[in-house]
């Protein structure tokens, strides 16, 4: 069979199969290379006129890729999701959309597909997350199916990190193994509880006199987080040099990227001989919960800052904050409340004639 050199054609190998795309990051080219079907698919992709059969699942994948929902995702998320969308399209693409409106029939097929990735449970769950998002989009706004059949299918990866935090000894080890710039980032994460995406876009304009106020990327900037600036946090803020509009910068005085910092953080963790500890950068949020509590913040307020349930915060406090420290924090809160009450009484008390 004769082959034709198609300019820009991009090939990707995955699980022993080769997939072709009109260009890197472009639409999938279907068929066997060199066949009329393959050439037509390639030509249609270039012209942007290929429209999948709107009764097949493949059409849902295409529509989702073109949606504003997908375009709003972070670039790193789109890179990760793109490969999964292709795998999902390859497996389910020819099924009729109406089959996904029959949960009792389609769920076994979904579970069977997920089982092909069972050796890597977290990856399997990630794939399910992407599939579920496409199906949710098919429910609303497309109205193609009545409900998402992925709902109710349990996750394979069962590890619960809800109450894992960096304790003082481990935190001191990685801080010692880090550069000054990385140290600022680690300490700021442990004192604010900000997610990495928000932490590395934190600007000095977000830092007020008494609080850090910014919208969160997790909520697509619809929710505002307010982090009170308590003594330890204020001390760190004053220590960080203002070299850019962005608070955290690397050794070249440029803002960190999440991926750039991740490689530095992982090296510091290795240098600190902490690789055998199941600790992630994200776990610094739990550390922040204990810092907030010791600084006198109420558990309800801590839950609001971190976007957690109050009982989640309570579990961390009970596990990691010693009884004496917890008692001291409660006494401090009572004393401060009493002082505020006395101040109000004095302010409203009328002078005697």
C-alpha atoms as a PDB file:
ATOM      1  CA  UNK A   1       0.000   0.000   0.000  1.00  0.00           C
ATOM      2  CA  UNK A   2       1.432   3.357  -1.050  1.00  0.00           C
ATOM      3  CA  UNK A   3       1.979   5.973   1.609  1.00  0.00           C
ATOM      4  CA  UNK A   4       1.710   9.708   1.172  1.00  0.00           C
ATOM      5  CA  UNK A   5       3.763  12.230   3.137  1.00  0.00           C
ATOM      6  CA  UNK A   6       1.142  14.332   4.912  1.00  0.00           C
ATOM      7  CA  UNK A   7       2.572  17.585   6.234  1.00  0.00           C
ATOM      8  CA  UNK A   8       2.184  18.058   9.992  1.00  0.00           C
ATOM      9  CA  UNK A   9       0.746  14.600  10.625  1.00  0.00           C
ATOM     10  CA  UNK A  10       1.435  13.660  14.247  1.00  0.00           C
ATOM     11  CA  UNK A  11       1.608  10.066  15.537  1.00  0.00           C
ATOM     12  CA  UNK A  12       1.209   9.001  19.184  1.00  0.00           C
ATOM     13  CA  UNK A  13       1.748   5.488  20.559  1.00  0.00           C
ATOM     14  CA  UNK A  14      -0.333   4.414  23.565  1.00  0.00           C
ATOM     15  CA  UNK A  15      -0.866   0.903  24.968  1.00  0.00           C
ATOM     16  CA  UNK A  16       0.666  -0.677  21.867  1.00  0.00           C
ATOM     17  CA  UNK A  17      -1.500   1.256  19.412  1.00  0.00           C
ATOM     18  CA  UNK A  18      -0.626   4.171  17.158  1.00  0.00           C
ATOM     19  CA  UNK A  19      -2.981   7.113  16.860  1.00  0.00           C
ATOM     20  CA  UNK A  20      -2.669   9.788  14.190  1.00  0.00           C
ATOM     21  CA  UNK A  21      -3.594  13.459  14.427  1.00  0.00           C
ATOM     22  CA  UNK A  22      -3.795  16.091  11.708  1.00  0.00           C
ATOM     23  CA  UNK A  23      -1.208  18.062  13.695  1.00  0.00           C
ATOM     24  CA  UNK A  24       0.140  18.060  17.234  1.00  0.00           C
ATOM     25  CA  UNK A  25      -2.860  18.815  19.417  1.00  0.00           C
ATOM     26  CA  UNK A  26      -5.156  18.668  16.395  1.00  0.00           C
ATOM     27  CA  UNK A  27      -8.140  16.413  15.638  1.00  0.00           C
ATOM     28  CA  UNK A  28      -7.796  12.658  15.348  1.00  0.00           C
ATOM     29  CA  UNK A  29      -7.314  11.164  11.867  1.00  0.00           C
ATOM     30  CA  UNK A  30      -9.262   7.908  11.482  1.00  0.00           C
ATOM     31  CA  UNK A  31      -8.541   4.895   9.331  1.00  0.00           C
ATOM     32  CA  UNK A  32      -5.420   3.024   8.220  1.00  0.00           C
ATOM     33  CA  UNK A  33      -2.608   5.289   6.952  1.00  0.00           C
ATOM     34  CA  UNK A  34      -2.532   5.368   3.151  1.00  0.00           C
ATOM     35  CA  UNK A  35      -6.182   4.377   2.665  1.00  0.00           C
ATOM     36  CA  UNK A  36      -8.770   6.669   1.058  1.00  0.00           C
ATOM     37  CA  UNK A  37     -10.610   6.787   4.422  1.00  0.00           C
ATOM     38  CA  UNK A  38      -7.456   8.018   6.162  1.00  0.00           C
ATOM     39  CA  UNK A  39      -6.738  10.654   3.499  1.00  0.00           C
ATOM     40  CA  UNK A  40     -10.321  11.931   3.589  1.00  0.00           C
ATOM     41  CA  UNK A  41     -10.260  12.136   7.391  1.00  0.00           C
ATOM     42  CA  UNK A  42      -6.985  14.082   7.209  1.00  0.00           C
ATOM     43  CA  UNK A  43      -8.359  16.422   4.550  1.00  0.00           C
ATOM     44  CA  UNK A  44     -11.575  17.046   6.493  1.00  0.00           C
ATOM     45  CA  UNK A  45      -9.566  17.822   9.623  1.00  0.00           C
ATOM     46  CA  UNK A  46      -7.526  20.441   7.811  1.00  0.00           C
ATOM     47  CA  UNK A  47     -10.608  22.057   6.349  1.00  0.00           C
ATOM     48  CA  UNK A  48     -12.393  21.946   9.689  1.00  0.00           C
ATOM     49  CA  UNK A  49     -15.526  20.534   8.104  1.00  0.00           C
ATOM     50  CA  UNK A  50     -15.588  17.060   9.625  1.00  0.00           C
ATOM     51  CA  UNK A  51     -18.722  16.773  11.765  1.00  0.00           C
ATOM     52  CA  UNK A  52     -19.185  13.490  13.666  1.00  0.00           C
ATOM     53  CA  UNK A  53     -22.494  11.654  13.481  1.00  0.00           C
ATOM     54  CA  UNK A  54     -24.502  13.521  16.101  1.00  0.00           C
ATOM     55  CA  UNK A  55     -26.141  10.310  17.285  1.00  0.00           C
ATOM     56  CA  UNK A  56     -22.797   8.776  18.339  1.00  0.00           C
ATOM     57  CA  UNK A  57     -20.816   9.338  21.523  1.00  0.00           C
ATOM     58  CA  UNK A  58     -17.887  10.670  19.468  1.00  0.00           C
ATOM     59  CA  UNK A  59     -19.979  13.765  18.780  1.00  0.00           C
ATOM     60  CA  UNK A  60     -20.188  14.460  22.529  1.00  0.00           C
ATOM     61  CA  UNK A  61     -16.397  14.379  22.823  1.00  0.00           C
ATOM     62  CA  UNK A  62     -16.054  16.772  19.896  1.00  0.00           C
ATOM     63  CA  UNK A  63     -18.672  19.162  21.283  1.00  0.00           C
ATOM     64  CA  UNK A  64     -17.073  19.124  24.709  1.00  0.00           C
ATOM     65  CA  UNK A  65     -13.637  19.931  23.239  1.00  0.00           C
ATOM     66  CA  UNK A  66     -15.198  22.927  21.498  1.00  0.00           C
ATOM     67  CA  UNK A  67     -17.081  24.092  24.598  1.00  0.00           C
ATOM     68  CA  UNK A  68     -16.324  27.115  26.742  1.00  0.00           C
ATOM     69  CA  UNK A  69     -16.159  24.742  29.733  1.00  0.00           C
ATOM     70  CA  UNK A  70     -13.181  22.956  28.193  1.00  0.00           C
ATOM     71  CA  UNK A  71     -11.523  26.151  26.989  1.00  0.00           C
ATOM     72  CA  UNK A  72     -11.665  27.589  30.524  1.00  0.00           C
ATOM     73  CA  UNK A  73      -9.620  24.716  31.944  1.00  0.00           C
ATOM     74  CA  UNK A  74      -6.029  25.437  32.908  1.00  0.00           C
ATOM     75  CA  UNK A  75      -3.508  24.608  30.176  1.00  0.00           C
ATOM     76  CA  UNK A  76      -1.992  21.842  32.315  1.00  0.00           C
ATOM     77  CA  UNK A  77      -5.438  20.297  32.836  1.00  0.00           C
ATOM     78  CA  UNK A  78      -6.193  20.427  29.105  1.00  0.00           C
ATOM     79  CA  UNK A  79      -2.898  18.669  28.359  1.00  0.00           C
ATOM     80  CA  UNK A  80      -3.790  15.888  30.799  1.00  0.00           C
ATOM     81  CA  UNK A  81      -7.400  15.609  29.663  1.00  0.00           C
ATOM     82  CA  UNK A  82      -6.628  15.616  25.945  1.00  0.00           C
ATOM     83  CA  UNK A  83      -5.095  12.123  25.990  1.00  0.00           C
ATOM     84  CA  UNK A  84      -7.952  10.757  28.077  1.00  0.00           C
ATOM     85  CA  UNK A  85     -10.540  12.278  25.763  1.00  0.00           C
ATOM     86  CA  UNK A  86      -8.866  10.463  22.864  1.00  0.00           C
ATOM     87  CA  UNK A  87      -8.876   7.142  24.750  1.00  0.00           C
ATOM     88  CA  UNK A  88     -12.523   7.638  25.699  1.00  0.00           C
ATOM     89  CA  UNK A  89     -13.418   8.489  22.100  1.00  0.00           C
ATOM     90  CA  UNK A  90     -11.549   5.414  20.865  1.00  0.00           C
ATOM     91  CA  UNK A  91     -13.430   3.116  23.240  1.00  0.00           C
ATOM     92  CA  UNK A  92     -16.943   4.593  23.325  1.00  0.00           C
ATOM     93  CA  UNK A  93     -17.019   6.747  20.181  1.00  0.00           C
ATOM     94  CA  UNK A  94     -19.149   4.459  18.009  1.00  0.00           C
ATOM     95  CA  UNK A  95     -21.794   3.803  20.669  1.00  0.00           C
ATOM     96  CA  UNK A  96     -25.079   5.597  20.223  1.00  0.00           C
ATOM     97  CA  UNK A  97     -25.664   8.427  22.695  1.00  0.00           C
ATOM     98  CA  UNK A  98     -29.028   6.979  23.707  1.00  0.00           C
ATOM     99  CA  UNK A  99     -27.200   3.947  25.136  1.00  0.00           C
ATOM    100  CA  UNK A 100     -25.806   6.242  27.853  1.00  0.00           C
ATOM    101  CA  UNK A 101     -29.385   6.993  28.911  1.00  0.00           C
ATOM    102  CA  UNK A 102     -29.752   3.387  30.091  1.00  0.00           C
ATOM    103  CA  UNK A 103     -27.658   3.231  33.307  1.00  0.00           C
ATOM    104  CA  UNK A 104     -28.279  -0.441  34.035  1.00  0.00           C
ATOM    105  CA  UNK A 105     -26.832  -1.350  30.619  1.00  0.00           C
ATOM    106  CA  UNK A 106     -24.032   1.186  30.178  1.00  0.00           C
ATOM    107  CA  UNK A 107     -22.558   1.121  33.693  1.00  0.00           C
ATOM    108  CA  UNK A 108     -21.164  -2.428  33.318  1.00  0.00           C
ATOM    109  CA  UNK A 109     -19.431  -1.286  30.103  1.00  0.00           C
ATOM    110  CA  UNK A 110     -18.022   1.774  31.850  1.00  0.00           C
ATOM    111  CA  UNK A 111     -16.742  -0.367  34.739  1.00  0.00           C
ATOM    112  CA  UNK A 112     -15.198  -2.818  32.277  1.00  0.00           C
ATOM    113  CA  UNK A 113     -13.368   0.042  30.532  1.00  0.00           C
ATOM    114  CA  UNK A 114     -12.134   1.381  33.857  1.00  0.00           C
ATOM    115  CA  UNK A 115     -10.911  -2.104  34.789  1.00  0.00           C
ATOM    116  CA  UNK A 116      -8.416  -1.987  31.912  1.00  0.00           C
ATOM    117  CA  UNK A 117      -6.537   0.635  33.989  1.00  0.00           C
ATOM    118  CA  UNK A 118      -7.005  -1.155  37.329  1.00  0.00           C
ATOM    119  CA  UNK A 119      -3.239  -1.652  37.711  1.00  0.00           C
ATOM    120  CA  UNK A 120      -2.982   2.117  38.219  1.00  0.00           C
ATOM    121  CA  UNK A 121      -6.063   3.011  40.307  1.00  0.00           C
ATOM    122  CA  UNK A 122      -5.398   6.739  40.417  1.00  0.00           C
ATOM    123  CA  UNK A 123      -5.095   6.855  36.620  1.00  0.00           C
ATOM    124  CA  UNK A 124      -8.302   4.822  36.302  1.00  0.00           C
ATOM    125  CA  UNK A 125     -10.139   7.298  38.514  1.00  0.00           C
ATOM    126  CA  UNK A 126      -8.680  10.209  36.539  1.00  0.00           C
ATOM    127  CA  UNK A 127     -10.029   8.699  33.328  1.00  0.00           C
ATOM    128  CA  UNK A 128     -13.422   8.277  34.991  1.00  0.00           C
ATOM    129  CA  UNK A 129     -13.331  11.929  36.019  1.00  0.00           C
ATOM    130  CA  UNK A 130     -12.865  13.003  32.398  1.00  0.00           C
ATOM    131  CA  UNK A 131     -15.557  10.628  31.116  1.00  0.00           C
ATOM    132  CA  UNK A 132     -17.937  11.858  33.812  1.00  0.00           C
ATOM    133  CA  UNK A 133     -17.319  15.472  32.807  1.00  0.00           C
ATOM    134  CA  UNK A 134     -18.189  14.742  29.169  1.00  0.00           C
ATOM    135  CA  UNK A 135     -21.378  12.976  30.253  1.00  0.00           C
ATOM    136  CA  UNK A 136     -22.308  15.815  32.615  1.00  0.00           C
ATOM    137  CA  UNK A 137     -21.909  18.189  29.681  1.00  0.00           C
ATOM    138  CA  UNK A 138     -24.196  15.903  27.669  1.00  0.00           C
ATOM    139  CA  UNK A 139     -26.811  16.263  30.427  1.00  0.00           C
ATOM    140  CA  UNK A 140     -26.472  20.020  30.825  1.00  0.00           C
ATOM    141  CA  UNK A 141     -26.310  22.133  28.710  1.00  0.00           C
ATOM    142  CA  UNK A 142     -26.662  19.755  25.739  1.00  0.00           C
ATOM    143  CA  UNK A 143     -29.701  17.846  27.022  1.00  0.00           C
ATOM    144  CA  UNK A 144     -28.636  14.735  25.107  1.00  0.00           C
ATOM    145  CA  UNK A 145     -29.139  12.373  28.072  1.00  0.00           C
ATOM    146  CA  UNK A 146     -31.189  12.574  31.257  1.00  0.00           C
ATOM    147  CA  UNK A 147     -28.536  11.715  33.852  1.00  0.00           C
ATOM    148  CA  UNK A 148     -24.825  11.001  34.165  1.00  0.00           C
ATOM    149  CA  UNK A 149     -24.351   7.194  34.339  1.00  0.00           C
ATOM    150  CA  UNK A 150     -20.916   7.651  35.985  1.00  0.00           C
ATOM    151  CA  UNK A 151     -22.602   8.919  39.132  1.00  0.00           C
ATOM    152  CA  UNK A 152     -22.719   6.194  41.754  1.00  0.00           C
ATOM    153  CA  UNK A 153     -19.659   4.332  40.425  1.00  0.00           C
ATOM    154  CA  UNK A 154     -17.143   4.240  43.274  1.00  0.00           C
ATOM    155  CA  UNK A 155     -13.500   5.239  42.936  1.00  0.00           C
ATOM    156  CA  UNK A 156     -10.740   2.610  42.780  1.00  0.00           C
ATOM    157  CA  UNK A 157      -8.139   4.689  44.599  1.00  0.00           C
ATOM    158  CA  UNK A 158      -9.265   4.546  48.204  1.00  0.00           C
ATOM    159  CA  UNK A 159      -6.426   6.364  49.981  1.00  0.00           C
ATOM    160  CA  UNK A 160      -7.796   9.074  52.265  1.00  0.00           C
ATOM    161  CA  UNK A 161      -5.453  12.043  52.658  1.00  0.00           C
ATOM    162  CA  UNK A 162      -8.020  14.137  54.509  1.00  0.00           C
ATOM    163  CA  UNK A 163      -6.072  14.194  57.783  1.00  0.00           C
ATOM    164  CA  UNK A 164      -2.484  14.113  56.492  1.00  0.00           C
ATOM    165  CA  UNK A 165      -0.379  17.198  57.221  1.00  0.00           C
ATOM    166  CA  UNK A 166       3.266  18.230  57.365  1.00  0.00           C
ATOM    167  CA  UNK A 167       4.249  18.106  61.017  1.00  0.00           C
ATOM    168  CA  UNK A 168       6.872  20.565  62.379  1.00  0.00           C
ATOM    169  CA  UNK A 169       9.836  18.144  62.225  1.00  0.00           C
ATOM    170  CA  UNK A 170       9.248  17.183  58.575  1.00  0.00           C
ATOM    171  CA  UNK A 171       8.499  20.777  57.620  1.00  0.00           C
ATOM    172  CA  UNK A 172      11.781  21.905  59.163  1.00  0.00           C
ATOM    173  CA  UNK A 173      13.688  19.237  57.206  1.00  0.00           C
ATOM    174  CA  UNK A 174      12.381  20.282  53.788  1.00  0.00           C
ATOM    175  CA  UNK A 175      12.721  23.989  54.577  1.00  0.00           C
ATOM    176  CA  UNK A 176      16.355  23.438  55.513  1.00  0.00           C
ATOM    177  CA  UNK A 177      16.948  21.565  52.221  1.00  0.00           C
ATOM    178  CA  UNK A 178      15.337  24.330  50.128  1.00  0.00           C
ATOM    179  CA  UNK A 179      16.622  27.538  48.576  1.00  0.00           C
ATOM    180  CA  UNK A 180      15.520  30.827  50.074  1.00  0.00           C
ATOM    181  CA  UNK A 181      12.939  31.337  47.327  1.00  0.00           C
ATOM    182  CA  UNK A 182      11.487  27.825  47.656  1.00  0.00           C
ATOM    183  CA  UNK A 183      11.501  28.212  51.433  1.00  0.00           C
ATOM    184  CA  UNK A 184       9.285  31.283  51.131  1.00  0.00           C
ATOM    185  CA  UNK A 185       6.790  29.320  49.012  1.00  0.00           C
ATOM    186  CA  UNK A 186       6.682  26.334  51.377  1.00  0.00           C
ATOM    187  CA  UNK A 187       6.258  28.487  54.465  1.00  0.00           C
ATOM    188  CA  UNK A 188       3.594  30.653  52.805  1.00  0.00           C
ATOM    189  CA  UNK A 189       1.650  27.534  51.799  1.00  0.00           C
ATOM    190  CA  UNK A 190       1.834  26.223  55.367  1.00  0.00           C
ATOM    191  CA  UNK A 191       0.657  29.551  56.805  1.00  0.00           C
ATOM    192  CA  UNK A 192      -2.143  30.406  54.333  1.00  0.00           C
ATOM    193  CA  UNK A 193      -3.520  27.055  53.173  1.00  0.00           C
ATOM    194  CA  UNK A 194      -3.749  28.376  49.603  1.00  0.00           C
ATOM    195  CA  UNK A 195      -3.819  25.807  46.803  1.00  0.00           C
ATOM    196  CA  UNK A 196      -0.750  25.802  44.558  1.00  0.00           C
ATOM    197  CA  UNK A 197      -2.528  27.490  41.650  1.00  0.00           C
ATOM    198  CA  UNK A 198      -3.639  30.382  43.864  1.00  0.00           C
ATOM    199  CA  UNK A 199      -0.402  30.538  45.856  1.00  0.00           C
ATOM    200  CA  UNK A 200       1.768  31.144  42.791  1.00  0.00           C
ATOM    201  CA  UNK A 201      -0.480  33.849  41.344  1.00  0.00           C
ATOM    202  CA  UNK A 202      -0.810  35.660  44.681  1.00  0.00           C
ATOM    203  CA  UNK A 203       0.083  39.298  44.061  1.00  0.00           C
ATOM    204  CA  UNK A 204       1.015  42.039  46.471  1.00  0.00           C
ATOM    205  CA  UNK A 205      -2.255  43.744  45.599  1.00  0.00           C
ATOM    206  CA  UNK A 206      -4.057  40.805  47.262  1.00  0.00           C
ATOM    207  CA  UNK A 207      -2.200  41.447  50.532  1.00  0.00           C
ATOM    208  CA  UNK A 208      -4.093  43.955  52.624  1.00  0.00           C
ATOM    209  CA  UNK A 209      -3.372  45.424  56.019  1.00  0.00           C
ATOM    210  CA  UNK A 210      -5.204  42.702  57.929  1.00  0.00           C
ATOM    211  CA  UNK A 211      -5.955  39.946  55.406  1.00  0.00           C
ATOM    212  CA  UNK A 212      -5.076  38.318  52.109  1.00  0.00           C
ATOM    213  CA  UNK A 213      -8.134  38.558  49.868  1.00  0.00           C
ATOM    214  CA  UNK A 214      -8.323  36.873  46.463  1.00  0.00           C
ATOM    215  CA  UNK A 215     -10.634  34.805  44.287  1.00  0.00           C
ATOM    216  CA  UNK A 216      -9.815  31.112  43.952  1.00  0.00           C
ATOM    217  CA  UNK A 217      -9.004  29.299  40.738  1.00  0.00           C
ATOM    218  CA  UNK A 218     -10.751  26.193  42.090  1.00  0.00           C
ATOM    219  CA  UNK A 219     -14.061  28.074  41.962  1.00  0.00           C
ATOM    220  CA  UNK A 220     -13.242  29.615  38.557  1.00  0.00           C
ATOM    221  CA  UNK A 221     -12.860  32.876  40.461  1.00  0.00           C
ATOM    222  CA  UNK A 222     -16.465  32.935  41.694  1.00  0.00           C
ATOM    223  CA  UNK A 223     -15.490  32.415  45.365  1.00  0.00           C
ATOM    224  CA  UNK A 224     -13.379  34.781  47.425  1.00  0.00           C
ATOM    225  CA  UNK A 225     -10.984  33.531  50.098  1.00  0.00           C
ATOM    226  CA  UNK A 226     -10.029  35.742  53.032  1.00  0.00           C
ATOM    227  CA  UNK A 227      -6.948  34.716  55.024  1.00  0.00           C
ATOM    228  CA  UNK A 228      -6.446  36.791  58.190  1.00  0.00           C
ATOM    229  CA  UNK A 229      -2.863  37.980  58.582  1.00  0.00           C
ATOM    230  CA  UNK A 230      -1.882  36.674  62.015  1.00  0.00           C
ATOM    231  CA  UNK A 231       1.489  37.299  63.650  1.00  0.00           C
ATOM    232  CA  UNK A 232       3.501  34.436  62.112  1.00  0.00           C
ATOM    233  CA  UNK A 233       2.086  35.104  58.637  1.00  0.00           C
ATOM    234  CA  UNK A 234       2.770  38.840  58.931  1.00  0.00           C
ATOM    235  CA  UNK A 235       6.371  38.100  59.872  1.00  0.00           C
ATOM    236  CA  UNK A 236       6.846  35.999  56.722  1.00  0.00           C
ATOM    237  CA  UNK A 237       5.145  38.568  54.468  1.00  0.00           C
ATOM    238  CA  UNK A 238       7.508  41.239  55.756  1.00  0.00           C
ATOM    239  CA  UNK A 239      10.459  38.930  55.106  1.00  0.00           C
ATOM    240  CA  UNK A 240       9.643  38.203  51.425  1.00  0.00           C
ATOM    241  CA  UNK A 241      11.326  40.782  49.128  1.00  0.00           C
ATOM    242  CA  UNK A 242       9.061  42.696  46.731  1.00  0.00           C
ATOM    243  CA  UNK A 243      10.808  41.872  43.452  1.00  0.00           C
ATOM    244  CA  UNK A 244       7.712  41.512  41.274  1.00  0.00           C
ATOM    245  CA  UNK A 245       3.973  42.255  41.341  1.00  0.00           C
ATOM    246  CA  UNK A 246       3.697  38.521  42.196  1.00  0.00           C
ATOM    247  CA  UNK A 247       4.642  37.667  45.781  1.00  0.00           C
ATOM    248  CA  UNK A 248       6.599  34.441  45.165  1.00  0.00           C
ATOM    249  CA  UNK A 249       9.511  34.522  42.720  1.00  0.00           C
ATOM    250  CA  UNK A 250      12.318  32.128  41.846  1.00  0.00           C
ATOM    251  CA  UNK A 251      16.067  32.757  41.944  1.00  0.00           C
ATOM    252  CA  UNK A 252      15.808  34.634  38.610  1.00  0.00           C
ATOM    253  CA  UNK A 253      13.321  37.034  40.240  1.00  0.00           C
ATOM    254  CA  UNK A 254      10.538  35.724  38.027  1.00  0.00           C
ATOM    255  CA  UNK A 255       7.195  34.326  39.226  1.00  0.00           C
ATOM    256  CA  UNK A 256       7.195  30.574  39.827  1.00  0.00           C
ATOM    257  CA  UNK A 257       5.163  28.316  37.581  1.00  0.00           C
ATOM    258  CA  UNK A 258       3.398  25.435  39.314  1.00  0.00           C
ATOM    259  CA  UNK A 259       5.372  22.855  37.317  1.00  0.00           C
ATOM    260  CA  UNK A 260       8.659  24.695  37.788  1.00  0.00           C
ATOM    261  CA  UNK A 261       8.201  24.798  41.535  1.00  0.00           C
ATOM    262  CA  UNK A 262       7.097  21.146  41.638  1.00  0.00           C
ATOM    263  CA  UNK A 263      10.480  19.963  40.328  1.00  0.00           C
ATOM    264  CA  UNK A 264      12.324  22.141  42.873  1.00  0.00           C
ATOM    265  CA  UNK A 265      10.057  20.936  45.669  1.00  0.00           C
ATOM    266  CA  UNK A 266      10.539  17.267  44.762  1.00  0.00           C
ATOM    267  CA  UNK A 267      14.322  17.710  44.725  1.00  0.00           C
ATOM    268  CA  UNK A 268      14.224  19.374  48.148  1.00  0.00           C
ATOM    269  CA  UNK A 269      12.084  16.540  49.455  1.00  0.00           C
ATOM    270  CA  UNK A 270      14.650  14.042  48.144  1.00  0.00           C
ATOM    271  CA  UNK A 271      17.573  16.025  49.588  1.00  0.00           C
ATOM    272  CA  UNK A 272      15.766  16.083  52.940  1.00  0.00           C
ATOM    273  CA  UNK A 273      15.455  12.273  52.725  1.00  0.00           C
ATOM    274  CA  UNK A 274      11.675  12.453  52.911  1.00  0.00           C
ATOM    275  CA  UNK A 275      10.884  10.375  49.827  1.00  0.00           C
ATOM    276  CA  UNK A 276       9.734   7.498  52.001  1.00  0.00           C
ATOM    277  CA  UNK A 277       7.114   9.756  53.602  1.00  0.00           C
ATOM    278  CA  UNK A 278       3.741   9.978  51.892  1.00  0.00           C
ATOM    279  CA  UNK A 279       3.700  13.763  51.992  1.00  0.00           C
ATOM    280  CA  UNK A 280       2.581  16.035  49.148  1.00  0.00           C
ATOM    281  CA  UNK A 281       2.763  19.801  48.723  1.00  0.00           C
ATOM    282  CA  UNK A 282      -1.050  19.855  48.922  1.00  0.00           C
ATOM    283  CA  UNK A 283      -0.832  18.465  52.483  1.00  0.00           C
ATOM    284  CA  UNK A 284       0.517  21.827  53.636  1.00  0.00           C
ATOM    285  CA  UNK A 285      -3.134  22.955  53.658  1.00  0.00           C
ATOM    286  CA  UNK A 286      -3.704  20.723  56.669  1.00  0.00           C
ATOM    287  CA  UNK A 287      -0.658  22.235  58.329  1.00  0.00           C
ATOM    288  CA  UNK A 288      -2.218  25.660  57.781  1.00  0.00           C
ATOM    289  CA  UNK A 289      -5.365  24.484  59.592  1.00  0.00           C
ATOM    290  CA  UNK A 290      -3.325  23.820  62.743  1.00  0.00           C
ATOM    291  CA  UNK A 291      -1.532  27.169  62.368  1.00  0.00           C
ATOM    292  CA  UNK A 292      -4.865  28.982  62.069  1.00  0.00           C
ATOM    293  CA  UNK A 293      -6.218  27.239  65.152  1.00  0.00           C
ATOM    294  CA  UNK A 294      -3.184  28.008  67.281  1.00  0.00           C
ATOM    295  CA  UNK A 295      -3.426  31.624  66.114  1.00  0.00           C
ATOM    296  CA  UNK A 296      -6.909  31.749  67.640  1.00  0.00           C
ATOM    297  CA  UNK A 297      -9.201  31.268  64.621  1.00  0.00           C
ATOM    298  CA  UNK A 298     -12.491  29.465  65.175  1.00  0.00           C
ATOM    299  CA  UNK A 299     -12.900  26.063  63.475  1.00  0.00           C
ATOM    300  CA  UNK A 300     -15.840  27.377  61.447  1.00  0.00           C
ATOM    301  CA  UNK A 301     -13.697  30.233  60.111  1.00  0.00           C
ATOM    302  CA  UNK A 302     -10.858  27.816  59.304  1.00  0.00           C
ATOM    303  CA  UNK A 303     -13.296  25.609  57.375  1.00  0.00           C
ATOM    304  CA  UNK A 304     -14.491  28.629  55.369  1.00  0.00           C
ATOM    305  CA  UNK A 305     -10.929  29.675  54.499  1.00  0.00           C
ATOM    306  CA  UNK A 306      -9.914  26.193  53.330  1.00  0.00           C
ATOM    307  CA  UNK A 307     -13.246  25.298  51.712  1.00  0.00           C
ATOM    308  CA  UNK A 308     -13.619  22.241  53.965  1.00  0.00           C
ATOM    309  CA  UNK A 309     -16.335  20.824  56.174  1.00  0.00           C
ATOM    310  CA  UNK A 310     -16.002  21.833  59.821  1.00  0.00           C
ATOM    311  CA  UNK A 311     -15.733  18.192  60.982  1.00  0.00           C
ATOM    312  CA  UNK A 312     -12.727  17.764  58.646  1.00  0.00           C
ATOM    313  CA  UNK A 313     -10.975  20.646  60.410  1.00  0.00           C
ATOM    314  CA  UNK A 314     -11.980  19.198  63.777  1.00  0.00           C
ATOM    315  CA  UNK A 315     -10.378  15.825  62.946  1.00  0.00           C
ATOM    316  CA  UNK A 316      -7.074  17.499  62.037  1.00  0.00           C
ATOM    317  CA  UNK A 317      -7.087  19.655  65.163  1.00  0.00           C
ATOM    318  CA  UNK A 318      -7.818  16.695  67.439  1.00  0.00           C
ATOM    319  CA  UNK A 319      -5.129  14.599  65.773  1.00  0.00           C
ATOM    320  CA  UNK A 320      -2.280  17.073  65.455  1.00  0.00           C
ATOM    321  CA  UNK A 321      -2.778  19.817  68.010  1.00  0.00           C
ATOM    322  CA  UNK A 322      -1.728  18.728  71.487  1.00  0.00           C
ATOM    323  CA  UNK A 323      -4.265  18.942  74.292  1.00  0.00           C
ATOM    324  CA  UNK A 324      -2.261  21.641  76.071  1.00  0.00           C
ATOM    325  CA  UNK A 325      -1.933  23.742  72.906  1.00  0.00           C
ATOM    326  CA  UNK A 326      -5.623  23.335  72.169  1.00  0.00           C
ATOM    327  CA  UNK A 327      -6.517  24.338  75.722  1.00  0.00           C
ATOM    328  CA  UNK A 328      -4.264  27.386  75.506  1.00  0.00           C
ATOM    329  CA  UNK A 329      -5.901  28.373  72.218  1.00  0.00           C
ATOM    330  CA  UNK A 330      -9.393  28.081  73.730  1.00  0.00           C
ATOM    331  CA  UNK A 331      -8.372  30.106  76.808  1.00  0.00           C
ATOM    332  CA  UNK A 332      -6.852  32.761  74.551  1.00  0.00           C
ATOM    333  CA  UNK A 333     -10.086  32.954  72.537  1.00  0.00           C
ATOM    334  CA  UNK A 334     -12.145  33.272  75.753  1.00  0.00           C
ATOM    335  CA  UNK A 335      -9.854  35.991  77.106  1.00  0.00           C
ATOM    336  CA  UNK A 336      -9.975  37.903  73.817  1.00  0.00           C
ATOM    337  CA  UNK A 337     -13.773  37.631  73.704  1.00  0.00           C
ATOM    338  CA  UNK A 338     -13.980  38.877  77.312  1.00  0.00           C
ATOM    339  CA  UNK A 339     -11.646  41.776  76.509  1.00  0.00           C
ATOM    340  CA  UNK A 340     -13.783  42.761  73.528  1.00  0.00           C
ATOM    341  CA  UNK A 341     -16.910  42.624  75.690  1.00  0.00           C
ATOM    342  CA  UNK A 342     -15.336  44.847  78.348  1.00  0.00           C
ATOM    343  CA  UNK A 343     -14.247  47.310  75.662  1.00  0.00           C
ATOM    344  CA  UNK A 344     -17.783  47.516  74.302  1.00  0.00           C
ATOM    345  CA  UNK A 345     -19.196  48.018  77.836  1.00  0.00           C
ATOM    346  CA  UNK A 346     -16.804  50.890  78.478  1.00  0.00           C
ATOM    347  CA  UNK A 347     -17.633  52.455  75.126  1.00  0.00           C
ATOM    348  CA  UNK A 348     -21.388  52.474  75.734  1.00  0.00           C
ATOM    349  CA  UNK A 349     -21.325  53.310  79.454  1.00  0.00           C
ATOM    350  CA  UNK A 350     -22.585  56.842  80.049  1.00  0.00           C
ATOM    351  CA  UNK A 351     -20.586  59.108  82.378  1.00  0.00           C
ATOM    352  CA  UNK A 352     -22.239  59.724  85.721  1.00  0.00           C
ATOM    353  CA  UNK A 353     -23.421  63.208  86.516  1.00  0.00           C
END
